């Protein structure tokens, strides 16, 4: 039986009604990751009739699997990509203002074990500070050996000469994606998850004039017409490009980044650790996040991609091995609370270019327009999602498909925006929604109960996710609304039946649906649990 509650603009029935009422969209966006959500928000906030379709859930792929940093990219500075760094630092400053409930200033320390390291990194980070300009989060400073040991607690003392402290942004990626989806809807856009695009509609001249799409929940199919279709599907852009030009050259070569989440005791202070040069030439981070620590990342080129990528044994080994070189008490396999993999949509190397090293492929974004008028955006990073969106809509206007209108998103508050100096309760992520969530608990005190006795999360968060955050499945809740799957995969498995029952009641689903949900979530979640012994997995790395 459907639970009775006030009509919410985020309810699926309400959004479907709007979908069927609109005969022609100005902007139809395929893909509900950071980039697609940003484009939907940019388009709607300029007054364009905007529709976004996502085949699974918002931020299901890359956008929920980042290193949780809103940053300019110190390593891009080392590669000489000053333009990208400057743009990202500017965007970092805007995000801190527009979503202060989710983005915060994080201090990072680079430990220095060589005589030249201190001056080298201090000079480099002074340049980083300069590029940030008035949006700087604080000046970088040199630390003595004693200060570095005191602040990092568990860092290896032997050979340590000191450290360099700098500031960057830290955030919750999937929560920001959900808040972007809510903001876009509040601005008048229609967004639907579990809505897959199967084909493109073309006119007599062969120009793209819409899409053929299916509601995965009901099986209903729709022909949806639009002045412009934007392909913002990240690692899946080639799938949509094939619908437009079958057999065309691939644009994207996915690269995998893996993270391991461990207990806070491995990095007991408030500062994050940055290891500037690992044996594969990458940087490695240990970042405090929701009372745990995220270790990562790797960079492994893959031949194929899937919606649910899995960590390779060599990636897990690399993270644990590298971390052990720097921490006195190093995490072992048995200490992993969760392990997750994400894919980066890197530009595929041109034939004969010789550039196969993924960390050397530029992360700046590219906007391409096919002869049929399909607009595709590739590349970029989470931090620059807003700029990528603005550039995409500007491009559509430049093509003459939409009337000129300025983008207001640089100074547009994101849903939930509220200063949160006090982060002692995990519920701070709800920002300005927190009083309403607390009111829900006051009305139904049983919803104040924990989902699992070992963790902080409560039942009201599941009801809230269904009513106001467009969660449709147990995985939506435990992976992307309440981040348990990424924080403690075993606890997430224990919570699944309770979450299924609460969702079932809220969405009016049968007990059979609840059982299927638990089974489906269990299948996904078990790959986030790291067994004590390495599995023998065939490698898909090239």
Protein backbone atom coordinates (compact mmCIF):
# COMPACT_ATOMS: atom_id res chain seq x y z
CA UNK A 1 0.00 0.00 0.00
CA UNK A 2 1.30 3.46 -0.96
CA UNK A 3 2.32 5.54 2.03
CA UNK A 4 0.37 8.81 2.08
CA UNK A 5 2.47 11.96 2.19
CA UNK A 6 2.36 15.42 0.60
CA UNK A 7 2.99 15.60 -3.12
CA UNK A 8 6.69 16.28 -3.63
CA UNK A 9 8.11 17.82 -6.80
CA UNK A 10 10.74 15.05 -6.62
CA UNK A 11 8.19 12.23 -6.82
CA UNK A 12 8.42 10.04 -9.89
CA UNK A 13 4.68 10.21 -10.70
CA UNK A 14 4.86 14.01 -10.73
CA UNK A 15 7.95 13.99 -13.00
CA UNK A 16 6.40 11.47 -15.44
CA UNK A 17 3.30 13.68 -15.75
CA UNK A 18 5.54 16.61 -16.73
CA UNK A 19 7.41 14.38 -19.18
CA UNK A 20 4.24 13.47 -21.07
CA UNK A 21 2.85 17.03 -21.02
CA UNK A 22 5.88 18.59 -22.78
CA UNK A 23 5.87 18.08 -26.58
CA UNK A 24 9.24 19.67 -27.40
CA UNK A 25 12.24 20.09 -25.09
CA UNK A 26 14.89 22.78 -25.58
CA UNK A 27 17.59 20.58 -24.11
CA UNK A 28 17.57 16.80 -23.61
CA UNK A 29 20.52 15.51 -21.60
CA UNK A 30 21.52 11.83 -21.60
CA UNK A 31 23.45 10.85 -18.46
CA UNK A 32 22.96 11.66 -14.78
CA UNK A 33 26.52 11.93 -13.54
CA UNK A 34 28.19 15.17 -12.43
CA UNK A 35 28.44 16.55 -15.99
CA UNK A 36 24.89 15.72 -17.08
CA UNK A 37 23.39 17.02 -13.84
CA UNK A 38 25.43 20.20 -14.21
CA UNK A 39 24.14 20.70 -17.78
CA UNK A 40 20.52 20.11 -16.70
CA UNK A 41 20.91 22.68 -13.93
CA UNK A 42 22.62 25.19 -16.22
CA UNK A 43 19.98 24.81 -18.92
CA UNK A 44 17.00 25.00 -16.54
CA UNK A 45 18.44 27.98 -14.66
CA UNK A 46 18.72 29.87 -17.97
CA UNK A 47 15.02 29.23 -18.59
CA UNK A 48 15.33 26.40 -21.14
CA UNK A 49 12.85 23.49 -21.04
CA UNK A 50 15.25 20.79 -19.89
CA UNK A 51 14.93 17.01 -19.58
CA UNK A 52 17.58 14.63 -18.21
CA UNK A 53 17.42 10.83 -18.53
CA UNK A 54 19.67 8.47 -16.57
CA UNK A 55 19.62 4.74 -17.35
CA UNK A 56 20.42 3.63 -13.78
CA UNK A 57 20.74 6.08 -10.86
CA UNK A 58 22.29 9.53 -10.52
CA UNK A 59 26.06 9.29 -9.99
CA UNK A 60 25.89 5.47 -10.22
CA UNK A 61 29.17 5.38 -12.15
CA UNK A 62 32.28 7.54 -11.91
CA UNK A 63 30.59 10.41 -10.06
CA UNK A 64 30.12 8.46 -6.79
CA UNK A 65 33.53 6.79 -6.87
CA UNK A 66 36.00 9.70 -6.70
CA UNK A 67 38.78 10.36 -4.17
CA UNK A 68 36.32 12.85 -2.55
CA UNK A 69 38.47 15.88 -3.43
CA UNK A 70 37.39 19.23 -4.83
CA UNK A 71 40.79 20.28 -6.03
CA UNK A 72 42.88 22.01 -8.63
CA UNK A 73 45.03 18.92 -9.03
CA UNK A 74 48.54 19.36 -7.70
CA UNK A 75 49.75 16.67 -10.10
CA UNK A 76 48.36 18.53 -13.14
CA UNK A 77 50.50 21.48 -12.04
CA UNK A 78 53.53 19.16 -12.08
CA UNK A 79 52.56 18.19 -15.65
CA UNK A 80 52.44 21.87 -16.60
CA UNK A 81 48.65 22.01 -17.18
CA UNK A 82 48.34 25.45 -15.56
CA UNK A 83 45.08 26.35 -17.36
CA UNK A 84 43.23 23.30 -16.01
CA UNK A 85 44.57 23.91 -12.50
CA UNK A 86 43.56 27.58 -12.51
CA UNK A 87 40.05 26.74 -13.76
CA UNK A 88 39.64 23.94 -11.20
CA UNK A 89 40.83 26.14 -8.31
CA UNK A 90 38.33 28.83 -9.32
CA UNK A 91 35.53 26.23 -9.44
CA UNK A 92 36.66 24.82 -6.08
CA UNK A 93 36.14 28.26 -4.56
CA UNK A 94 32.64 28.56 -6.06
CA UNK A 95 31.64 25.09 -4.80
CA UNK A 96 32.73 25.97 -1.29
CA UNK A 97 30.36 28.97 -1.43
CA UNK A 98 27.47 27.26 -3.25
CA UNK A 99 27.43 23.92 -1.34
CA UNK A 100 29.04 24.66 2.06
CA UNK A 101 27.15 21.77 3.66
CA UNK A 102 29.07 19.22 1.56
CA UNK A 103 32.34 20.90 0.59
CA UNK A 104 34.92 21.92 3.15
CA UNK A 105 38.47 23.15 3.50
CA UNK A 106 40.81 20.20 4.12
CA UNK A 107 44.44 20.49 5.21
CA UNK A 108 46.85 18.14 3.42
CA UNK A 109 50.40 17.30 4.45
CA UNK A 110 53.13 16.09 2.09
CA UNK A 111 55.76 14.33 4.24
CA UNK A 112 59.31 15.00 3.09
CA UNK A 113 62.03 12.33 3.28
CA UNK A 114 64.65 13.97 1.03
CA UNK A 115 66.77 17.13 1.46
CA UNK A 116 65.36 18.76 -1.67
CA UNK A 117 61.71 17.79 -1.13
CA UNK A 118 60.82 20.57 1.32
CA UNK A 119 61.87 23.52 -0.86
CA UNK A 120 60.63 21.79 -4.06
CA UNK A 121 57.10 21.19 -2.78
CA UNK A 122 56.92 24.50 -0.91
CA UNK A 123 57.69 26.42 -4.13
CA UNK A 124 55.22 24.33 -6.16
CA UNK A 125 52.43 24.80 -3.63
CA UNK A 126 53.07 28.56 -3.39
CA UNK A 127 52.31 28.59 -7.13
CA UNK A 128 49.15 26.56 -6.40
CA UNK A 129 48.12 29.20 -3.82
CA UNK A 130 48.81 32.01 -6.30
CA UNK A 131 46.66 30.40 -9.00
CA UNK A 132 43.75 30.17 -6.52
CA UNK A 133 43.89 33.96 -6.04
CA UNK A 134 41.15 35.40 -3.83
CA UNK A 135 39.44 31.98 -3.70
CA UNK A 136 42.47 30.47 -1.92
CA UNK A 137 41.55 28.24 1.05
CA UNK A 138 44.71 29.20 2.98
CA UNK A 139 48.45 29.55 2.48
CA UNK A 140 50.75 26.54 2.26
CA UNK A 141 53.43 26.38 4.95
CA UNK A 142 56.57 24.38 5.67
CA UNK A 143 56.37 22.12 8.76
CA UNK A 144 59.23 20.93 10.94
CA UNK A 145 59.79 17.23 11.56
CA UNK A 146 58.20 17.54 15.03
CA UNK A 147 55.10 19.34 13.67
CA UNK A 148 54.67 16.78 10.89
CA UNK A 149 54.88 13.87 13.35
CA UNK A 150 52.45 15.55 15.73
CA UNK A 151 49.86 16.32 13.05
CA UNK A 152 50.04 13.01 11.14
CA UNK A 153 50.29 10.77 14.19
CA UNK A 154 50.85 7.43 12.46
CA UNK A 155 53.49 8.63 9.93
CA UNK A 156 56.86 6.83 9.70
CA UNK A 157 59.48 8.87 11.59
CA UNK A 158 62.67 7.27 10.21
CA UNK A 159 64.24 9.64 7.67
CA UNK A 160 61.44 12.22 7.98
CA UNK A 161 62.79 15.75 7.48
CA UNK A 162 59.54 17.69 7.73
CA UNK A 163 56.50 18.36 5.65
CA UNK A 164 54.54 20.86 3.62
CA UNK A 165 50.96 21.72 4.56
CA UNK A 166 48.54 22.97 1.92
CA UNK A 167 44.77 23.42 1.60
CA UNK A 168 42.30 21.81 -0.79
CA UNK A 169 38.60 20.95 -0.88
CA UNK A 170 36.99 17.74 0.37
CA UNK A 171 33.39 16.67 -0.33
CA UNK A 172 30.77 13.94 -0.61
CA UNK A 173 30.48 13.29 -4.35
CA UNK A 174 27.20 11.33 -4.58
CA UNK A 175 25.43 13.58 -2.06
CA UNK A 176 26.41 16.61 -4.16
CA UNK A 177 25.09 14.85 -7.28
CA UNK A 178 21.71 14.22 -5.59
CA UNK A 179 21.57 17.86 -4.45
CA UNK A 180 22.36 19.00 -8.02
CA UNK A 181 19.48 16.85 -9.30
CA UNK A 182 17.15 18.44 -6.72
CA UNK A 183 18.35 21.96 -7.64
CA UNK A 184 17.75 21.30 -11.35
CA UNK A 185 14.18 20.14 -10.60
CA UNK A 186 13.60 23.21 -8.41
CA UNK A 187 14.74 25.30 -11.39
CA UNK A 188 12.06 23.64 -13.56
CA UNK A 189 13.93 20.74 -15.18
CA UNK A 190 12.51 17.20 -15.37
CA UNK A 191 14.96 14.49 -14.31
CA UNK A 192 14.29 10.76 -14.37
CA UNK A 193 16.53 7.92 -13.23
CA UNK A 194 15.99 4.34 -14.43
CA UNK A 195 15.10 5.75 -17.83
CA UNK A 196 17.27 4.33 -20.62
CA UNK A 197 17.87 5.84 -24.06
CA UNK A 198 17.68 3.14 -26.75
CA UNK A 199 17.88 5.20 -29.90
CA UNK A 200 18.03 8.65 -31.48
CA UNK A 201 15.18 10.21 -33.47
CA UNK A 202 16.26 11.84 -36.74
CA UNK A 203 14.40 14.00 -39.28
CA UNK A 204 14.37 13.65 -43.08
CA UNK A 205 17.70 15.52 -43.29
CA UNK A 206 19.33 13.08 -40.85
CA UNK A 207 19.47 15.60 -37.98
CA UNK A 208 18.96 14.42 -34.40
CA UNK A 209 15.56 15.66 -33.17
CA UNK A 210 15.07 13.57 -30.02
CA UNK A 211 15.45 10.15 -28.42
CA UNK A 212 13.62 6.87 -27.98
CA UNK A 213 13.62 5.97 -24.29
CA UNK A 214 12.19 3.36 -21.91
CA UNK A 215 11.05 3.69 -18.32
CA UNK A 216 12.80 0.67 -16.79
CA UNK A 217 10.25 0.50 -13.96
CA UNK A 218 7.13 0.18 -16.13
CA UNK A 219 8.54 -0.87 -19.50
CA UNK A 220 6.72 2.07 -21.16
CA UNK A 221 8.56 3.52 -24.16
CA UNK A 222 8.58 7.15 -25.23
CA UNK A 223 9.56 9.15 -28.30
CA UNK A 224 10.85 12.42 -26.86
CA UNK A 225 11.53 15.37 -29.14
CA UNK A 226 14.12 18.05 -28.45
CA UNK A 227 15.86 20.96 -30.17
CA UNK A 228 19.19 19.63 -28.87
CA UNK A 229 20.35 16.28 -27.51
CA UNK A 230 23.47 16.26 -25.31
CA UNK A 231 25.46 13.08 -24.73
CA UNK A 232 26.97 13.41 -21.23
CA UNK A 233 27.34 9.73 -20.39
CA UNK A 234 30.98 9.70 -19.22
CA UNK A 235 32.64 6.35 -19.90
CA UNK A 236 29.56 5.37 -21.92
CA UNK A 237 29.70 8.24 -24.47
CA UNK A 238 30.76 5.84 -27.23
CA UNK A 239 27.56 3.78 -26.74
CA UNK A 240 25.45 6.85 -27.56
CA UNK A 241 27.79 7.90 -30.38
CA UNK A 242 27.28 4.47 -31.95
CA UNK A 243 23.52 5.16 -32.06
CA UNK A 244 24.32 8.27 -34.12
CA UNK A 245 27.18 6.93 -36.28
CA UNK A 246 27.51 3.13 -36.09
CA UNK A 247 31.11 2.01 -36.45
CA UNK A 248 32.63 5.39 -35.60
CA UNK A 249 36.03 5.71 -33.88
CA UNK A 250 35.96 5.39 -30.08
CA UNK A 251 36.43 8.64 -28.16
CA UNK A 252 36.95 7.22 -24.68
CA UNK A 253 39.41 4.78 -23.21
CA UNK A 254 38.38 4.03 -19.63
CA UNK A 255 40.95 4.05 -16.85
CA UNK A 256 40.16 2.56 -13.45
CA UNK A 257 40.83 4.14 -10.07
CA UNK A 258 40.50 2.03 -6.92
CA UNK A 259 40.05 3.15 -3.30
CA UNK A 260 40.21 1.31 0.02
CA UNK A 261 38.35 2.65 3.08
CA UNK A 262 39.83 1.97 6.53
CA UNK A 263 39.23 2.95 10.14
CA UNK A 264 40.08 6.49 11.31
CA UNK A 265 42.81 5.16 13.63
CA UNK A 266 45.16 4.77 10.64
CA UNK A 267 45.18 8.56 10.21
CA UNK A 268 44.05 9.84 13.61
CA UNK A 269 44.42 13.59 13.05
CA UNK A 270 42.30 15.99 10.99
CA UNK A 271 44.84 16.33 8.18
CA UNK A 272 44.96 14.32 4.98
CA UNK A 273 48.18 12.71 3.75
CA UNK A 274 49.43 13.19 0.21
CA UNK A 275 52.22 10.97 -1.14
CA UNK A 276 53.52 12.93 -4.14
CA UNK A 277 55.41 10.22 -6.01
CA UNK A 278 54.60 6.52 -5.89
CA UNK A 279 56.49 3.82 -7.76
CA UNK A 280 54.02 4.09 -10.67
CA UNK A 281 54.44 7.86 -10.90
CA UNK A 282 51.08 8.79 -9.41
CA UNK A 283 50.12 10.55 -6.22
CA UNK A 284 48.44 8.63 -3.42
CA UNK A 285 46.06 10.16 -0.89
CA UNK A 286 44.84 9.18 2.56
CA UNK A 287 41.82 11.43 3.18
CA UNK A 288 39.55 11.65 6.25
CA UNK A 289 35.94 11.10 5.13
CA UNK A 290 32.80 10.60 7.26
CA UNK A 291 34.84 9.40 10.24
CA UNK A 292 36.87 6.94 8.14
CA UNK A 293 39.89 7.24 5.85
CA UNK A 294 39.88 6.81 2.06
CA UNK A 295 43.14 5.48 0.56
CA UNK A 296 43.72 5.86 -3.18
CA UNK A 297 43.93 5.91 -6.03
CA UNK A 298 45.25 3.78 -8.89
CA UNK A 299 45.28 4.37 -12.65
CA UNK A 300 44.78 1.19 -14.65
CA UNK A 301 43.84 1.32 -18.35
CA UNK A 302 40.99 -1.07 -19.16
CA UNK A 303 39.87 -2.60 -22.43
CA UNK A 304 36.20 -2.70 -21.46
CA UNK A 305 33.95 -1.09 -18.88
CA UNK A 306 30.92 -2.02 -16.82
CA UNK A 307 28.50 -0.13 -14.58
CA UNK A 308 29.94 -1.96 -11.56
CA UNK A 309 33.76 -2.05 -12.00
CA UNK A 310 35.82 -4.23 -9.67
CA UNK A 311 39.18 -3.66 -8.04
CA UNK A 312 42.00 -5.77 -9.46
CA UNK A 313 44.30 -7.58 -7.03
CA UNK A 314 47.35 -5.64 -8.24
CA UNK A 315 45.56 -2.35 -7.48
CA UNK A 316 44.67 -3.44 -3.94
CA UNK A 317 48.24 -4.62 -3.42
CA UNK A 318 49.66 -1.32 -4.75
CA UNK A 319 47.56 0.80 -2.35
CA UNK A 320 48.38 -1.33 0.71
CA UNK A 321 52.07 -1.62 -0.22
CA UNK A 322 52.49 2.11 -0.84
CA UNK A 323 50.61 3.06 2.34
CA UNK A 324 52.81 0.68 4.36
CA UNK A 325 55.92 2.60 3.25
CA UNK A 326 54.61 5.71 5.03
CA UNK A 327 52.53 4.58 8.01
CA UNK A 328 53.98 3.06 11.21
CA UNK A 329 50.87 0.93 11.68
CA UNK A 330 49.83 0.04 8.16
CA UNK A 331 46.40 -1.30 7.16
CA UNK A 332 46.20 -4.93 6.04
CA UNK A 333 43.57 -6.58 3.85
CA UNK A 334 41.55 -7.51 6.92
CA UNK A 335 41.34 -3.81 7.89
CA UNK A 336 39.52 -2.80 4.68
CA UNK A 337 35.98 -1.68 5.50
CA UNK A 338 35.12 -1.23 1.82
CA UNK A 339 36.91 -1.29 -1.52
CA UNK A 340 35.47 0.51 -4.54
CA UNK A 341 36.49 1.10 -8.14
CA UNK A 342 35.58 3.99 -10.43
CA UNK A 343 36.21 4.62 -14.12
CA UNK A 344 37.63 7.80 -15.64
CA UNK A 345 36.48 8.69 -19.14
CA UNK A 346 39.89 9.56 -20.59
CA UNK A 347 40.27 10.55 -24.23
CA UNK A 348 41.26 7.49 -26.29
CA UNK A 349 44.79 7.85 -27.69
CA UNK A 350 44.89 8.61 -31.41
CA UNK A 351 46.29 5.83 -33.57
CA UNK A 352 50.06 6.20 -33.76
CA UNK A 353 50.21 8.97 -31.14
CA UNK A 354 52.29 6.83 -28.78
CA UNK A 355 50.61 8.32 -25.70
CA UNK A 356 49.39 5.27 -23.82
CA UNK A 357 50.16 6.42 -20.26
CA UNK A 358 46.78 7.29 -18.76
CA UNK A 359 48.14 9.79 -16.24
CA UNK A 360 49.52 11.83 -19.16
CA UNK A 361 46.21 12.09 -21.02
CA UNK A 362 44.70 15.52 -20.41
CA UNK A 363 41.76 15.80 -18.03
CA UNK A 364 40.45 18.98 -19.62
CA UNK A 365 37.06 18.63 -21.29
CA UNK A 366 36.12 18.57 -24.96
CA UNK A 367 32.78 19.33 -26.63
CA UNK A 368 32.11 17.68 -29.99
CA UNK A 369 29.22 18.13 -32.41
CA UNK A 370 28.45 15.32 -34.87
CA UNK A 371 27.28 16.02 -38.46
CA UNK A 372 23.77 15.05 -37.26
CA UNK A 373 23.93 17.67 -34.51
CA UNK A 374 24.45 15.38 -31.49
CA UNK A 375 26.44 17.31 -28.88
CA UNK A 376 28.89 15.19 -26.85
CA UNK A 377 31.00 16.28 -23.87
CA UNK A 378 33.94 14.18 -22.68
CA UNK A 379 36.79 14.47 -20.18
CA UNK A 380 36.92 16.88 -17.29
CA UNK A 381 36.77 16.17 -13.57
CA UNK A 382 34.23 16.53 -10.76
CA UNK A 383 35.61 19.88 -9.63
CA UNK A 384 34.99 21.50 -13.01
CA UNK A 385 31.49 20.06 -13.61
CA UNK A 386 29.84 23.53 -13.47
CA UNK A 387 32.23 25.07 -15.99
CA UNK A 388 31.81 22.06 -18.29
CA UNK A 389 28.03 22.49 -18.10
CA UNK A 390 28.20 26.22 -18.83
CA UNK A 391 30.52 25.62 -21.81
CA UNK A 392 28.17 22.93 -23.18
CA UNK A 393 25.06 25.12 -23.04
CA UNK A 394 27.07 28.05 -24.46
CA UNK A 395 28.08 25.76 -27.35
CA UNK A 396 24.42 24.83 -28.02
CA UNK A 397 23.56 28.56 -28.12
CA UNK A 398 26.52 29.25 -30.44
CA UNK A 399 25.16 26.55 -32.80
CA UNK A 400 21.97 28.63 -33.07
CA UNK A 401 19.79 25.94 -31.48
CA UNK A 402 18.80 28.02 -28.45
CA UNK A 403 18.35 31.75 -27.82
CA UNK A 404 21.22 33.49 -25.97
CA UNK A 405 20.81 33.62 -22.18
CA UNK A 406 23.51 34.08 -19.52
CA UNK A 407 24.39 31.27 -17.09
CA UNK A 408 23.61 32.12 -13.44
CA UNK A 409 25.20 28.99 -11.92
CA UNK A 410 28.45 30.57 -10.67
CA UNK A 411 26.47 32.18 -7.85
CA UNK A 412 23.52 29.78 -7.58
CA UNK A 413 23.14 28.01 -4.23
CA UNK A 414 22.81 24.23 -4.50
CA UNK A 415 19.91 22.46 -2.72
CA UNK A 416 20.73 22.06 0.98
CA UNK A 417 23.30 24.89 0.97
CA UNK A 418 23.86 25.86 4.59
CA UNK A 419 27.05 26.65 6.51
CA UNK A 420 27.86 23.59 8.65
CA UNK A 421 30.62 24.44 11.12
CA UNK A 422 29.38 21.65 13.40
CA UNK A 423 29.91 18.24 11.81
CA UNK A 424 29.65 16.17 14.97
CA UNK A 425 26.42 14.50 13.77
CA UNK A 426 26.58 12.60 10.47
CA UNK A 427 23.27 14.26 9.51
CA UNK A 428 25.09 17.52 8.69
CA UNK A 429 25.14 16.45 5.01
CA UNK A 430 21.43 17.31 4.75
CA UNK A 431 22.26 21.00 5.24
CA UNK A 432 19.12 23.15 5.15
CA UNK A 433 16.96 19.99 4.90
CA UNK A 434 18.02 18.85 8.38
CA UNK A 435 15.15 20.50 10.34
CA UNK A 436 12.58 18.78 8.11
CA UNK A 437 14.35 15.43 8.54
CA UNK A 438 14.36 15.92 12.32
CA UNK A 439 10.65 16.79 12.17
CA UNK A 440 10.01 13.49 10.36
CA UNK A 441 11.72 11.67 13.26
CA UNK A 442 9.67 13.67 15.78
CA UNK A 443 6.45 12.62 13.98
CA UNK A 444 7.52 8.97 13.74
CA UNK A 445 9.98 8.29 16.58
CA UNK A 446 10.65 4.72 15.37
CA UNK A 447 12.46 6.28 12.38
CA UNK A 448 15.09 7.57 14.82
CA UNK A 449 16.29 3.98 15.30
CA UNK A 450 19.63 3.00 13.77
CA UNK A 451 19.75 0.87 10.63
CA UNK A 452 22.55 -1.14 12.26
CA UNK A 453 23.71 -0.87 15.85
CA UNK A 454 27.38 -0.54 14.88
CA UNK A 455 26.86 2.55 12.67
CA UNK A 456 25.36 6.02 12.99
CA UNK A 457 22.77 5.95 10.17
CA UNK A 458 19.04 6.02 11.01
CA UNK A 459 15.82 4.72 9.42
CA UNK A 460 14.45 8.20 8.68
CA UNK A 461 17.19 8.65 6.08
CA UNK A 462 15.70 5.83 3.99
CA UNK A 463 12.22 7.40 4.02
CA UNK A 464 13.74 10.79 3.20
CA UNK A 465 15.73 9.30 0.30
CA UNK A 466 12.55 7.81 -1.20
CA UNK A 467 10.41 10.93 -0.75
CA UNK A 468 12.79 13.73 -1.66
CA UNK A 469 15.94 12.23 -3.19
CA UNK A 470 14.50 9.99 -5.91
CA UNK A 471 15.91 6.75 -4.47
CA UNK A 472 14.24 3.74 -6.09
CA UNK A 473 16.31 0.76 -4.88
CA UNK A 474 18.19 -0.53 -1.84
CA UNK A 475 21.42 0.17 -3.71
CA UNK A 476 20.39 3.79 -4.39
CA UNK A 477 19.96 4.29 -0.65
CA UNK A 478 22.98 2.41 0.72
CA UNK A 479 25.47 3.40 -1.99
CA UNK A 480 24.55 6.98 -2.89
CA UNK A 481 22.02 8.56 -0.45
CA UNK A 482 23.44 7.10 2.77
CA UNK A 483 27.04 6.21 1.92
CA UNK A 484 27.27 2.97 3.93
CA UNK A 485 28.34 0.72 1.05
CA UNK A 486 31.43 2.92 0.59
CA UNK A 487 32.11 3.24 4.33
CA UNK A 488 31.48 -0.28 5.64
CA UNK A 489 30.33 -2.87 3.11
CA UNK A 490 29.64 -5.61 5.67
CA UNK A 491 27.37 -3.26 7.64
CA UNK A 492 25.59 -2.33 4.39
CA UNK A 493 24.83 -6.02 3.78
CA UNK A 494 23.35 -6.32 7.28
CA UNK A 495 21.17 -3.22 6.72
CA UNK A 496 19.75 -4.31 3.36
CA UNK A 497 16.60 -6.12 4.64
CA UNK A 498 15.60 -3.16 6.87
CA UNK A 499 16.18 -0.71 4.02
CA UNK A 500 14.14 -2.89 1.63
CA UNK A 501 11.22 -3.02 4.11
CA UNK A 502 11.24 0.77 4.63
CA UNK A 503 11.51 1.44 0.88
CA UNK A 504 8.80 -1.12 0.14
CA UNK A 505 6.42 0.61 2.53
CA UNK A 506 7.28 4.06 1.16
CA UNK A 507 7.06 3.13 -2.55
CA UNK A 508 4.15 0.70 -2.22
CA UNK A 509 6.13 -2.41 -3.25
CA UNK A 510 5.41 -6.07 -2.53
CA UNK A 511 7.32 -8.38 -0.14
CA UNK A 512 8.57 -10.20 -3.26
CA UNK A 513 10.06 -6.93 -4.56
CA UNK A 514 11.78 -6.46 -1.19
CA UNK A 515 13.36 -9.94 -1.41
CA UNK A 516 14.54 -9.30 -4.97
CA UNK A 517 16.05 -5.98 -3.84
CA UNK A 518 18.00 -7.61 -1.01
CA UNK A 519 19.29 -10.30 -3.38
CA UNK A 520 20.32 -7.76 -6.03
CA UNK A 521 22.07 -5.54 -3.47
CA UNK A 522 23.87 -8.52 -1.90
CA UNK A 523 25.26 -9.48 -5.32
CA UNK A 524 26.71 -5.97 -5.80
CA UNK A 525 27.85 -5.33 -2.22
CA UNK A 526 29.89 -8.50 -1.82
CA UNK A 527 32.42 -7.09 -4.31
CA UNK A 528 33.03 -4.16 -1.92
CA UNK A 529 34.10 -6.59 0.81
CA UNK A 530 37.81 -7.42 0.67
CA UNK A 531 38.45 -11.04 1.60
CA UNK A 532 41.45 -11.81 3.80
CA UNK A 533 43.09 -13.80 1.03
CA UNK A 534 43.66 -12.44 -2.49
CA UNK A 535 41.26 -13.79 -5.07
CA UNK A 536 42.54 -15.24 -8.31
CA UNK A 537 40.94 -12.86 -10.80
CA UNK A 538 41.73 -12.73 -14.51
CA UNK A 539 43.09 -9.27 -15.22
CA UNK A 540 41.28 -7.03 -17.73
CA UNK A 541 44.05 -4.45 -17.73
CA UNK A 542 45.76 -3.95 -21.04
